Protein backbone atom coordinates (compact mmCIF):
# COMPACT_ATOMS: atom_id res chain seq x y z
CA MET A 1 -9.90 73.21 113.89
CA THR A 2 -5.89 73.04 114.34
CA THR A 3 -4.07 75.20 112.48
CA LEU A 4 -0.42 74.48 111.70
CA VAL A 5 2.20 77.04 111.51
CA THR A 6 5.52 76.17 110.18
CA ILE A 7 8.50 78.44 111.54
CA SER A 8 11.13 78.51 108.86
CA SER A 9 14.41 78.53 110.66
CA HIS A 10 17.24 81.14 109.29
CA LYS A 11 20.66 80.99 110.64
CA ALA A 12 21.57 84.27 112.21
CA THR A 13 24.45 86.69 110.72
CA SER A 14 25.82 89.03 112.89
CA LYS A 15 27.58 91.88 111.10
CA ILE A 16 31.36 92.41 112.22
CA ILE A 17 31.91 96.11 112.83
CA GLN A 18 35.81 97.02 111.69
CA PRO A 19 37.38 99.32 113.98
CA SER A 20 37.99 102.88 112.50
CA ARG A 21 41.53 102.83 110.92
CA LEU A 22 42.20 106.16 112.30
CA LEU A 23 41.56 105.19 116.03
CA THR A 24 44.14 102.08 115.46
CA LEU A 25 47.04 104.40 114.69
CA PRO A 26 49.40 105.66 117.61
CA ALA A 27 48.12 108.41 119.70
CA GLU A 28 50.86 110.69 118.47
CA LEU A 29 49.90 110.36 114.71
CA ARG A 30 46.07 110.59 115.60
CA ASN A 31 47.14 113.66 117.56
CA GLN A 32 49.09 115.21 114.64
CA ILE A 33 46.03 114.69 112.14
CA TYR A 34 43.76 116.60 115.10
CA THR A 35 45.77 119.52 114.93
CA LEU A 36 45.96 119.50 111.11
CA LEU A 37 42.23 119.45 110.92
CA LEU A 38 41.41 121.59 113.96
CA GLY A 39 44.53 123.80 114.78
CA ARG A 40 46.53 126.19 113.18
CA LYS A 41 43.96 128.66 112.18
CA SER A 42 42.65 132.04 114.28
CA ILE A 43 39.34 132.18 116.25
CA CYS A 44 37.64 135.57 116.82
CA LEU A 45 36.41 136.90 120.09
CA SER A 46 34.38 139.68 119.18
CA THR A 47 31.31 141.56 120.20
CA ARG A 48 30.30 142.14 116.31
CA ARG A 49 27.11 140.85 115.41
CA ALA A 50 27.01 137.35 114.21
CA ASN A 51 26.12 138.53 110.46
CA ASP A 52 29.08 140.70 110.16
CA PRO A 53 31.38 138.95 107.97
CA ILE A 54 34.92 139.54 110.09
CA VAL A 55 33.20 136.79 112.75
CA LYS A 56 30.98 134.75 110.49
CA GLY A 57 32.22 131.14 110.86
CA GLU A 58 33.02 128.57 113.72
CA ILE A 59 36.61 128.89 112.87
CA ALA A 60 38.40 131.33 110.61
CA THR A 61 41.80 131.29 108.92
CA ALA A 62 44.24 134.05 109.27
CA HIS A 63 46.84 135.14 106.98
CA TYR A 64 50.40 135.18 108.30
CA PRO A 65 52.43 137.30 109.60
CA PRO A 66 49.56 139.43 110.71
CA ARG A 67 50.45 142.78 109.73
CA SER A 68 46.98 144.45 110.06
CA GLY A 69 46.23 142.08 113.27
CA CYS A 70 42.39 141.66 111.11
CA THR A 71 43.16 140.44 107.71
CA SER A 72 41.23 139.03 105.31
CA ILE A 73 39.38 135.64 106.69
CA HIS A 74 37.21 132.82 104.99
CA ALA A 75 34.75 131.08 107.21
CA ARG A 76 35.07 127.38 107.43
CA PRO A 77 31.84 126.32 109.04
CA GLY A 78 31.66 122.63 109.78
CA MET A 79 34.79 122.09 111.18
CA LEU A 80 34.10 121.26 114.30
CA THR A 81 31.82 118.20 113.20
CA LEU A 82 34.85 116.31 113.70
CA LEU A 83 34.36 116.24 117.24
CA LEU A 84 31.07 114.25 116.50
CA VAL A 85 31.95 111.34 114.92
CA CYS A 86 32.25 109.46 118.40
CA ARG A 87 33.18 109.76 122.07
CA GLN A 88 36.58 108.65 121.70
CA ILE A 89 37.74 111.51 119.19
CA TYR A 90 35.95 113.78 121.19
CA THR A 91 37.72 113.53 124.24
CA GLU A 92 40.89 113.12 122.25
CA ALA A 93 40.63 116.32 120.25
CA ARG A 94 38.67 118.61 122.20
CA HIS A 95 40.97 120.63 123.76
CA LEU A 96 42.93 121.53 120.54
CA ILE A 97 40.50 123.69 119.63
CA PHE A 98 42.00 125.87 122.34
CA SER A 99 45.58 124.88 122.52
CA ALA A 100 46.42 124.49 119.17
CA ASN A 101 44.81 127.83 117.18
CA VAL A 102 45.51 131.67 117.54
CA PHE A 103 42.54 133.25 119.56
CA ARG A 104 42.22 137.39 118.44
CA TYR A 105 40.42 140.13 120.22
CA SER A 106 40.56 143.94 120.04
CA ASP A 107 38.73 144.63 123.42
CA THR A 108 38.20 142.61 126.98
CA ALA A 109 34.27 142.03 125.81
CA PRO A 110 32.25 141.23 129.18
CA TYR A 111 31.43 137.47 127.73
CA VAL A 112 35.30 136.68 128.46
CA GLU A 113 34.52 137.13 132.00
CA VAL A 114 31.51 134.84 131.86
CA TRP A 115 33.65 132.17 129.76
CA ALA A 116 36.15 132.02 132.47
CA GLU A 117 33.80 131.75 135.06
CA GLN A 118 31.71 128.84 133.51
CA ARG A 119 35.02 127.05 131.65
CA PRO A 120 38.05 128.44 133.48
CA ASP A 121 39.91 125.15 132.17
CA ALA A 122 39.48 126.11 128.37
CA LEU A 123 40.76 129.40 128.84
CA ALA A 124 43.96 127.88 130.60
CA ARG A 125 44.54 126.03 127.68
CA ILE A 126 44.63 128.67 125.18
CA GLU A 127 48.55 129.77 124.38
CA ALA A 128 48.42 131.93 121.60
CA LEU A 129 46.67 135.34 121.27
CA CYS A 130 46.81 137.93 118.58
CA LEU A 131 46.15 141.59 119.97
CA TYR A 132 45.19 144.54 117.37
CA SER A 133 43.78 147.68 117.90
CA SER A 134 43.80 150.97 115.59
CA GLY A 135 43.31 153.61 118.46
CA MET A 136 45.61 155.34 120.81
CA ASN A 137 46.97 153.81 123.59
CA PRO A 138 45.38 150.32 123.38
CA GLU A 139 47.75 148.25 125.96
CA ARG A 140 44.85 149.85 128.25
CA GLN A 141 42.45 147.61 126.42
CA TRP A 142 44.62 144.57 125.81
CA LEU A 143 46.48 144.02 129.26
CA SER A 144 43.43 143.74 131.55
CA GLY A 145 42.36 141.16 129.23
CA LEU A 146 45.59 138.81 129.86
CA LYS A 147 44.63 137.82 132.93
CA PHE A 148 41.40 135.22 131.88
CA PHE A 149 44.80 133.15 129.90
CA PRO A 150 47.27 131.86 132.50
CA GLY A 151 48.58 129.48 130.12
CA LEU A 152 49.38 131.93 127.33
CA LYS A 153 53.12 131.26 125.50
CA ARG A 154 52.87 133.75 122.69
CA ILE A 155 51.27 137.12 122.06
CA GLU A 156 51.11 138.55 118.60
CA VAL A 157 50.27 142.56 118.84
CA ALA A 158 49.47 143.72 115.93
CA VAL A 159 48.87 147.90 115.66
CA SER A 160 47.28 149.77 112.73
CA GLY A 161 47.57 153.50 112.78
CA PHE A 162 49.66 156.70 111.71
CA GLY A 163 53.10 156.31 111.51
CA ARG A 164 56.46 158.30 112.62
CA LYS A 165 59.89 158.39 112.88
CA LEU A 166 61.22 156.69 116.62
CA LYS A 167 63.09 159.26 118.33
CA PRO A 168 66.58 158.45 119.80
CA THR A 169 65.07 158.58 122.90
CA GLU A 170 62.20 156.08 122.12
CA MET A 171 65.06 153.27 121.26
CA GLY A 172 66.38 151.00 123.48
CA PRO A 173 69.68 149.38 123.82
CA TRP A 174 67.59 146.40 122.58
CA GLY A 175 67.62 147.97 118.82
CA ALA A 176 64.96 148.79 116.75
CA ARG A 177 62.55 147.65 119.86
CA THR A 178 60.88 150.85 121.57
CA LEU A 179 60.36 151.58 124.83
CA TRP A 180 56.39 150.98 124.75
CA GLU A 181 57.24 147.32 123.07
CA ARG A 182 59.50 146.59 125.75
CA GLU A 183 57.24 147.84 128.79
CA PHE A 184 54.41 145.91 127.36
CA GLU A 185 56.47 142.77 126.85
CA GLU A 186 57.27 143.29 130.87
CA SER A 187 53.49 144.46 131.51
CA ALA A 188 52.04 140.98 129.79
CA CYS A 189 54.70 138.56 131.05
CA LYS A 190 53.55 139.94 135.01
CA ALA A 191 49.37 139.97 134.32
CA VAL A 192 49.98 136.40 133.02
CA GLY A 193 52.11 135.50 135.64
CA GLY A 194 55.15 133.91 133.63
CA LYS A 195 57.26 134.25 130.47
CA VAL A 196 55.33 135.21 127.14
CA LYS A 197 56.89 135.66 123.93
CA VAL A 198 55.75 138.62 122.23
CA GLU A 199 55.98 139.70 118.72
CA PHE A 200 54.95 142.95 117.45
CA TRP A 201 53.79 143.81 113.91
CA PHE A 202 52.91 147.36 112.95
CA THR A 203 51.00 148.71 109.90
CA PHE A 204 51.91 152.61 109.14
CA GLN A 205 49.47 155.08 107.51
CA GLY A 206 50.66 158.32 106.30
CA TRP A 207 52.96 160.15 104.44
CA GLU A 208 55.96 158.81 106.41
CA GLN A 209 55.17 155.45 106.02
CA GLY A 210 56.97 155.18 102.72
CA PHE A 211 60.33 156.24 105.26
CA LEU A 212 59.58 153.62 107.44
CA TYR A 213 58.75 151.03 105.11
CA GLU A 214 62.01 151.30 103.35
CA ASP A 215 64.10 151.41 106.52
CA ALA A 216 62.52 148.14 107.61
CA LYS A 217 63.34 146.81 104.26
CA GLU A 218 66.68 147.66 104.12
CA GLU A 219 67.38 146.53 107.87
CA ALA A 220 66.21 143.13 106.70
CA GLY A 221 68.22 143.14 104.18
CA LEU A 222 65.72 143.27 101.12
CA LEU A 223 66.62 146.39 99.45
CA ASP A 224 68.74 145.90 96.30
CA GLU A 225 71.93 148.30 95.61
CA ASP A 226 70.23 149.94 92.82
CA ALA A 227 67.20 150.98 95.37
CA LYS A 228 69.68 152.24 97.82
CA GLU A 229 71.70 153.84 95.57
CA GLU A 230 68.22 155.86 94.65
CA GLU A 231 67.87 156.69 98.56
CA ARG A 232 71.05 158.22 98.55
CA ASP A 233 70.41 160.91 95.84
CA PRO A 234 67.59 162.96 96.93
CA GLY A 235 67.11 164.53 93.74
CA SER A 236 65.97 160.86 92.64
CA SER A 237 63.42 159.81 94.90
CA THR A 238 60.07 161.50 95.47
CA VAL A 239 57.16 161.01 98.11
CA THR A 240 53.72 161.26 96.98
CA VAL A 241 51.47 162.53 100.21
CA GLY A 242 48.52 161.10 100.98
CA GLU A 243 49.40 157.95 99.23
CA SER A 244 49.46 154.56 101.73
CA THR A 245 49.59 150.84 101.77
CA ARG A 246 48.15 148.38 103.94
CA ASP A 247 50.26 145.57 105.23
CA GLY A 248 48.91 142.15 105.67
CA ASP A 249 45.88 142.81 103.36
CA GLU A 250 47.39 140.42 100.55
CA GLY A 251 46.01 137.16 100.13
CA GLY A 252 47.49 133.84 99.75
CA GLY A 253 49.42 134.14 103.53
CA GLU A 254 49.46 130.89 105.35
CA PRO A 255 47.86 130.16 108.14
CA VAL A 256 48.96 131.02 111.81
CA ALA A 257 50.46 128.00 113.50
C-alpha cells in the first residue's frame, strides 16, 4: 500500500530585528544617558548588616550638600539592570558605576583591601569619595584608606561632633580654614599621589553651635540687617542651652554630582 504524503510549502518569512535606537545614537549622547541613569549618586561602603536601612539597596542617593556625611537615603534597587540589556551597553556603561558616583565610608574595612586585590581597575576609576565620622581624630581612619583610590579627584569630608569657637592660633592665612583642614588636604594628596580637591562640611552640636552657624551665615552674606542688629545688641539675643540642629538631615536635596 502506497501512502501519499502531501507537503504544503509555506513561504519562508524572516523577521527583521530593528536596531535599538539607543545604540544608534552617537557615543557622546549614549554616555550622557548612561551617566544620568547610573551616575550622580552615592554608594555606601560599610561593614553594617545588609538589612541596615543605611546600606540597603544597590545604589542610594544622597542629599547635597552632605553636611552630616550620612544623610537620609532612599534605596534604588534594580538600577543596575541597565547593564543586563546587552553586551554592548554593559561594555560601554559598566565603568560609570565607579567614575560617575560618590563612594562614601567611615572606616577602612577589610573588604576594601580584598576589593583592591581582586579589582584594582575598579578602584582606580573612583574619582570622588565622601568620608564621614563623628569621632575624635577621624583622619587616622580616613587617610589609611586613600591609598586604595589612586584615581581620586575630589574628597568630601563631613565631620559631625561637638562644635567650639576656633582659636586665632588655629586659623591660617587662608582665612576660615583651620590648620587641621590644611594638614588633612596635604596628607590626602600625599596618600593618593596627586592633587586632590578637598571640601569640608561640619555639623556642630552643643550650646556653641548657634554662634558658629550664625557666623558662617554672616560670612556667606546670608544674614539680613535685622538679624545683624540683634547680634550687636546682647540684651536682645538669647541662647538656649542644649538645643542643636543637624545640618544635612533636611530632605529634598539634589543628588551628588
